[in-house]
Amino acid sequence: MKFSANYSIKDLEKLSGIKAHTLRIWEKRYALFEPERTDTNIRFYTNNDLKRILNISMLNKSGFKISKIAALSEAQIAAKVSEITNASTSYEEHIDKFIMSMIDLNEVSFDKTFSDCVSNFGFEDCIQKVVVPFFIRIGTMWQTGSINPAQEHFVSNLVRQKIIVAIDGIKPSSKKSKGTVLLFLPENELHELSLLFYAYALKLRNYKTVYLGQSVPTDTLVRVSEIVKPDLLLSVITTPPHKGLLDSLINTLASLKSKKTILLSGRAVFERKKKLPESISLFKGFPELLKLI
């Protein structure tokens, strides 16, 4: 099943990384794609146009001249792209392949791209340098109204599965644990992938992780913290909670007795203007988290 979408030339620029001016030149000089028009004569591009542009971009970045690409058939372009991606060491090319897999809801293609990504860059760099930028691109597609929620859920769940499998594959260490980390998302927070990846990274570095996951009630968090007595509490808060709830959560976290450090990340906490208690620190991404721990 495929979903149709309409893109402006600016949308294509954001999604492909190719300047709109360059796309117009390719369109006019080489007839590489042809926009359609609405009833009011506004130009727009389709999913097929986007996929073609991504393929052409991959070939061009790999050294193929546009004039040479224009002379290739669709089948020849696809074959050349396949050759490149099989041996690719480019983050951008993997991102483009993920986008095409998402558009077509193609799990086989997604799995192959992910496997190639991990093989080329390792699991952590695949997530941080390919999957994270890919989801940033998805954010752009949400803004343009060019993806269906099912497409985002499709790829999110696939990535979630990959991280869970990676966590399960970490062998227990005979060395003493570096400490216990309690990972959670507050009530009504469902954006889990970042937290799940942090659980993987911490467990890999010989931390004992207690993973509570999505939408944890504050009173439950308090009770678990009293039982586990973690050295570190970690959360990523993306969705702005209802008025006053974030302040209440932060105050509760600061008052917990069974903890040493609290690390928070996510758009909601960075947009909050109030001063944080001394026991709470913010981090913007994985490199900052590694420095703090």
Protein backbone atom coordinates (compact mmCIF):
# COMPACT_ATOMS: atom_id res chain seq x y z
CA MET A 1 0.00 0.00 0.00
CA LYS A 2 1.32 3.43 -0.94
CA PHE A 3 0.30 6.94 0.11
CA SER A 4 0.30 9.80 -2.34
CA ALA A 5 1.85 13.11 -1.36
CA ASN A 6 2.31 16.51 -2.91
CA TYR A 7 5.63 18.30 -2.49
CA SER A 8 6.69 21.82 -3.39
CA ILE A 9 10.18 22.42 -4.76
CA LYS A 10 11.17 23.72 -1.30
CA ASP A 11 9.93 20.48 0.27
CA LEU A 12 12.13 18.52 -2.10
CA GLU A 13 15.10 20.72 -1.18
CA LYS A 14 14.64 19.94 2.53
CA LEU A 15 14.11 16.23 1.98
CA SER A 16 16.85 15.62 -0.57
CA GLY A 17 19.44 18.18 0.50
CA ILE A 18 19.63 19.50 -3.08
CA LYS A 19 19.11 23.23 -3.56
CA ALA A 20 15.85 24.23 -5.23
CA HIS A 21 17.82 26.19 -7.83
CA THR A 22 19.76 23.04 -8.77
CA LEU A 23 16.56 20.98 -8.98
CA ARG A 24 15.03 23.53 -11.37
CA ILE A 25 18.13 23.36 -13.58
CA TRP A 26 17.96 19.55 -13.64
CA GLU A 27 14.29 19.74 -14.47
CA LYS A 28 14.57 22.28 -17.31
CA ARG A 29 17.90 21.31 -18.85
CA TYR A 30 17.72 17.52 -18.54
CA ALA A 31 13.99 16.81 -18.11
CA LEU A 32 14.84 14.47 -15.23
CA PHE A 33 11.37 14.93 -13.75
CA GLU A 34 8.25 16.87 -14.57
CA PRO A 35 6.01 18.48 -11.93
CA GLU A 36 2.27 18.17 -12.03
CA ARG A 37 -0.12 21.07 -11.51
CA THR A 38 -3.14 21.64 -9.33
CA ASP A 39 -6.43 22.96 -10.67
CA THR A 40 -5.14 26.43 -9.78
CA ASN A 41 -1.93 25.83 -11.76
CA ILE A 42 0.37 25.42 -8.75
CA ARG A 43 3.30 23.11 -9.44
CA PHE A 44 3.78 20.07 -7.22
CA TYR A 45 5.80 16.86 -7.12
CA THR A 46 4.84 13.32 -6.15
CA ASN A 47 6.37 10.45 -4.16
CA ASN A 48 7.74 9.05 -7.41
CA ASP A 49 9.42 12.38 -8.13
CA LEU A 50 10.96 12.40 -4.65
CA LYS A 51 12.29 8.86 -5.01
CA ARG A 52 13.71 9.67 -8.44
CA ILE A 53 15.40 12.79 -7.08
CA LEU A 54 16.90 10.82 -4.18
CA ASN A 55 18.25 8.21 -6.58
CA ILE A 56 19.67 10.83 -8.92
CA SER A 57 21.22 12.62 -5.95
CA MET A 58 22.92 9.39 -4.81
CA LEU A 59 24.43 8.86 -8.24
CA ASN A 60 25.49 12.48 -8.56
CA LYS A 61 27.17 12.50 -5.12
CA SER A 62 28.98 9.32 -6.14
CA GLY A 63 30.57 11.01 -9.14
CA PHE A 64 28.06 10.50 -11.95
CA LYS A 65 27.52 13.59 -14.09
CA ILE A 66 23.93 14.76 -14.45
CA SER A 67 24.18 14.61 -18.23
CA LYS A 68 25.12 10.92 -17.97
CA ILE A 69 22.33 10.18 -15.47
CA ALA A 70 19.79 11.83 -17.77
CA ALA A 71 20.67 9.32 -20.49
CA LEU A 72 19.93 6.32 -18.23
CA SER A 73 16.62 4.48 -18.09
CA GLU A 74 14.75 4.03 -14.81
CA ALA A 75 15.98 0.43 -14.61
CA GLN A 76 19.58 1.51 -15.22
CA ILE A 77 19.36 4.21 -12.55
CA ALA A 78 17.96 1.68 -10.08
CA ALA A 79 20.75 -0.78 -10.89
CA LYS A 80 23.45 1.85 -10.45
CA VAL A 81 21.94 2.98 -7.14
CA SER A 82 21.85 -0.62 -5.94
CA GLU A 83 25.54 -1.03 -6.74
CA ILE A 84 26.42 2.16 -4.87
CA THR A 85 24.36 1.48 -1.76
CA ASN A 86 25.75 -2.04 -1.43
CA ALA A 87 29.22 -0.57 -0.98
CA SER A 88 28.22 2.82 0.43
CA THR A 89 30.00 4.49 3.33
CA SER A 90 27.90 7.65 3.13
CA TYR A 91 25.47 8.59 5.87
CA GLU A 92 23.35 10.61 3.42
CA GLU A 93 22.84 7.71 1.05
CA HIS A 94 21.53 5.52 3.86
CA ILE A 95 19.17 8.29 4.98
CA ASP A 96 17.83 8.56 1.43
CA LYS A 97 17.29 4.80 1.29
CA PHE A 98 15.41 4.89 4.60
CA ILE A 99 13.13 7.61 3.20
CA MET A 100 12.35 5.53 0.14
CA SER A 101 11.67 2.46 2.29
CA MET A 102 9.29 4.51 4.42
CA ILE A 103 7.43 5.95 1.46
CA ASP A 104 6.74 2.46 0.08
CA LEU A 105 6.29 0.80 3.52
CA ASN A 106 8.96 -1.63 2.37
CA GLU A 107 10.23 -3.61 5.36
CA VAL A 108 12.63 -5.73 3.29
CA SER A 109 14.33 -2.62 1.93
CA PHE A 110 14.41 -1.02 5.38
CA ASP A 111 15.98 -4.11 6.94
CA LYS A 112 18.65 -4.32 4.25
CA THR A 113 19.49 -0.63 4.60
CA PHE A 114 19.70 -0.95 8.38
CA SER A 115 21.94 -4.01 8.14
CA ASP A 116 24.23 -2.21 5.66
CA CYS A 117 24.26 0.82 7.96
CA VAL A 118 25.32 -1.20 11.01
CA SER A 119 27.89 -3.10 8.95
CA ASN A 120 29.46 0.13 7.65
CA PHE A 121 29.29 2.34 10.74
CA GLY A 122 28.57 0.18 13.78
CA PHE A 123 25.30 0.17 15.70
CA GLU A 124 25.78 3.39 17.70
CA ASP A 125 26.90 5.50 14.74
CA CYS A 126 24.13 4.02 12.59
CA ILE A 127 21.57 5.25 15.12
CA GLN A 128 23.19 8.60 15.85
CA LYS A 129 24.43 9.61 12.39
CA VAL A 130 21.83 8.00 10.15
CA VAL A 131 18.64 7.11 12.01
CA VAL A 132 18.45 10.33 14.07
CA PRO A 133 18.92 12.61 11.01
CA PHE A 134 16.41 10.41 9.18
CA PHE A 135 13.80 11.13 11.85
CA ILE A 136 14.64 14.82 11.64
CA ARG A 137 13.79 14.58 7.93
CA ILE A 138 10.55 12.85 8.90
CA GLY A 139 9.79 15.90 11.04
CA THR A 140 10.11 18.01 7.90
CA MET A 141 7.77 15.67 6.07
CA TRP A 142 5.22 16.05 8.89
CA GLN A 143 5.42 19.83 8.50
CA THR A 144 4.72 19.57 4.78
CA GLY A 145 1.91 17.07 5.31
CA SER A 146 3.67 14.64 3.00
CA ILE A 147 3.64 11.49 5.13
CA ASN A 148 0.82 9.46 6.59
CA PRO A 149 0.97 8.63 10.33
CA ALA A 150 1.11 4.96 9.36
CA GLN A 151 4.42 5.55 7.60
CA GLU A 152 6.00 7.12 10.67
CA HIS A 153 4.67 4.35 12.92
CA PHE A 154 5.98 1.79 10.44
CA VAL A 155 9.59 2.97 10.59
CA SER A 156 9.48 3.88 14.29
CA ASN A 157 8.41 0.37 15.22
CA LEU A 158 11.08 -1.17 13.00
CA VAL A 159 13.80 0.92 14.64
CA ARG A 160 12.37 0.11 18.07
CA GLN A 161 12.63 -3.61 17.26
CA LYS A 162 16.25 -3.19 16.16
CA ILE A 163 17.25 -1.45 19.39
CA ILE A 164 15.47 -4.03 21.57
CA VAL A 165 17.25 -6.85 19.73
CA ALA A 166 20.56 -5.02 20.21
CA ILE A 167 19.89 -4.65 23.95
CA ASP A 168 19.03 -8.32 24.21
CA GLY A 169 22.28 -9.19 22.44
CA ILE A 170 24.53 -7.50 25.00
CA LYS A 171 26.37 -10.19 26.93
CA PRO A 172 26.49 -9.86 30.74
CA SER A 173 29.79 -8.50 32.01
CA SER A 174 31.80 -10.13 34.75
CA LYS A 175 33.03 -6.71 35.85
CA LYS A 176 31.36 -4.76 38.63
CA SER A 177 28.51 -2.55 37.44
CA LYS A 178 29.30 1.17 37.09
CA GLY A 179 25.97 1.99 38.72
CA THR A 180 22.21 1.65 38.36
CA VAL A 181 20.27 3.85 35.94
CA LEU A 182 16.50 4.22 36.08
CA LEU A 183 15.11 5.22 32.67
CA PHE A 184 11.54 6.45 32.25
CA LEU A 185 9.20 8.67 30.27
CA PRO A 186 6.68 10.78 32.24
CA GLU A 187 2.92 10.52 31.90
CA ASN A 188 1.61 11.00 28.33
CA GLU A 189 5.12 10.89 26.85
CA LEU A 190 5.29 8.24 24.13
CA HIS A 191 8.43 9.22 22.17
CA GLU A 192 10.52 6.26 23.26
CA LEU A 193 13.29 5.71 20.71
CA SER A 194 15.89 8.05 22.24
CA LEU A 195 15.39 6.63 25.73
CA LEU A 196 15.55 3.09 24.40
CA PHE A 197 18.82 3.83 22.63
CA TYR A 198 20.27 5.36 25.81
CA ALA A 199 19.30 2.17 27.66
CA TYR A 200 21.28 0.20 25.06
CA ALA A 201 24.32 2.49 25.27
CA LEU A 202 24.39 2.47 29.06
CA LYS A 203 23.97 -1.29 29.32
CA LEU A 204 26.78 -1.73 26.78
CA ARG A 205 28.99 0.39 29.06
CA ASN A 206 28.29 -1.90 32.02
CA TYR A 207 25.58 0.10 33.76
CA LYS A 208 22.67 -1.77 35.29
CA THR A 209 19.57 -0.38 33.58
CA VAL A 210 16.03 -0.42 34.93
CA TYR A 211 13.83 0.53 32.00
CA LEU A 212 10.27 1.67 32.77
CA GLY A 213 9.43 2.97 29.30
CA GLN A 214 6.50 5.15 28.26
CA SER A 215 4.03 7.23 30.28
CA VAL A 216 5.12 6.37 33.83
CA PRO A 217 2.90 7.95 36.54
CA THR A 218 4.92 10.09 38.93
CA ASP A 219 3.80 8.19 42.03
CA THR A 220 4.90 4.92 40.38
CA LEU A 221 8.28 6.46 39.59
CA VAL A 222 8.71 7.47 43.22
CA ARG A 223 7.89 3.98 44.48
CA VAL A 224 10.24 2.29 42.01
CA SER A 225 13.02 4.73 42.86
CA GLU A 226 12.67 3.86 46.55
CA ILE A 227 13.01 0.15 45.70
CA VAL A 228 15.81 0.38 43.11
CA LYS A 229 17.78 3.23 44.72
CA PRO A 230 19.34 4.26 41.39
CA ASP A 231 22.57 6.20 41.03
CA LEU A 232 21.08 8.01 38.06
CA LEU A 233 17.61 8.84 36.75
CA LEU A 234 17.27 9.58 33.05
CA SER A 235 14.36 10.82 30.96
CA VAL A 236 13.65 12.44 27.58
CA ILE A 237 10.64 14.76 27.60
CA THR A 238 9.60 15.75 24.09
CA THR A 239 5.87 16.45 24.37
CA PRO A 240 5.10 19.55 26.48
CA PRO A 241 2.98 18.29 29.39
CA HIS A 242 -0.12 20.05 30.65
CA LYS A 243 0.50 23.33 32.45
CA GLY A 244 2.27 22.87 35.77
CA LEU A 245 2.90 19.14 35.36
CA LEU A 246 6.51 19.53 34.23
CA ASP A 247 7.29 21.78 37.19
CA SER A 248 5.61 19.26 39.49
CA LEU A 249 7.62 16.39 38.01
CA ILE A 250 10.91 18.28 38.32
CA ASN A 251 10.17 19.18 41.93
CA THR A 252 9.33 15.54 42.69
CA LEU A 253 12.53 14.32 41.05
CA ALA A 254 14.59 16.84 43.00
CA SER A 255 13.03 15.66 46.26
CA LEU A 256 13.77 11.96 45.72
CA LYS A 257 16.08 10.54 48.34
CA SER A 258 17.18 7.39 46.50
CA LYS A 259 19.17 9.07 43.75
CA LYS A 260 22.44 10.86 43.08
CA THR A 261 21.97 12.50 39.69
CA ILE A 262 19.05 13.28 37.37
CA LEU A 263 19.66 13.80 33.65
CA LEU A 264 16.91 15.20 31.43
CA SER A 265 16.70 15.88 27.72
CA GLY A 266 14.03 16.71 25.12
CA ARG A 267 12.39 19.75 23.64
CA ALA A 268 9.98 20.30 26.54
CA VAL A 269 12.69 20.66 29.20
CA PHE A 270 14.84 22.94 27.03
CA GLU A 271 11.88 25.23 26.36
CA ARG A 272 11.18 25.53 30.10
CA LYS A 273 12.62 28.83 31.30
CA LYS A 274 12.78 28.25 35.06
CA LYS A 275 16.00 27.45 36.87
CA LEU A 276 16.57 23.77 37.58
CA PRO A 277 17.46 22.30 40.97
CA GLU A 278 21.18 21.54 41.39
CA SER A 279 20.61 17.79 41.27
CA ILE A 280 19.20 18.00 37.72
CA SER A 281 21.32 18.43 34.58
CA LEU A 282 20.28 18.75 30.94
CA PHE A 283 21.90 17.12 27.94
CA LYS A 284 21.19 17.65 24.24
CA GLY A 285 22.25 14.33 22.79
CA PHE A 286 24.31 11.20 23.09
CA PRO A 287 27.80 12.82 23.13
CA GLU A 288 26.73 15.12 25.98
CA LEU A 289 25.23 12.20 27.87
CA LEU A 290 28.50 10.29 27.64
CA LYS A 291 30.38 13.27 29.08
CA LEU A 292 27.94 13.61 31.99
CA ILE A 293 28.12 9.94 32.99
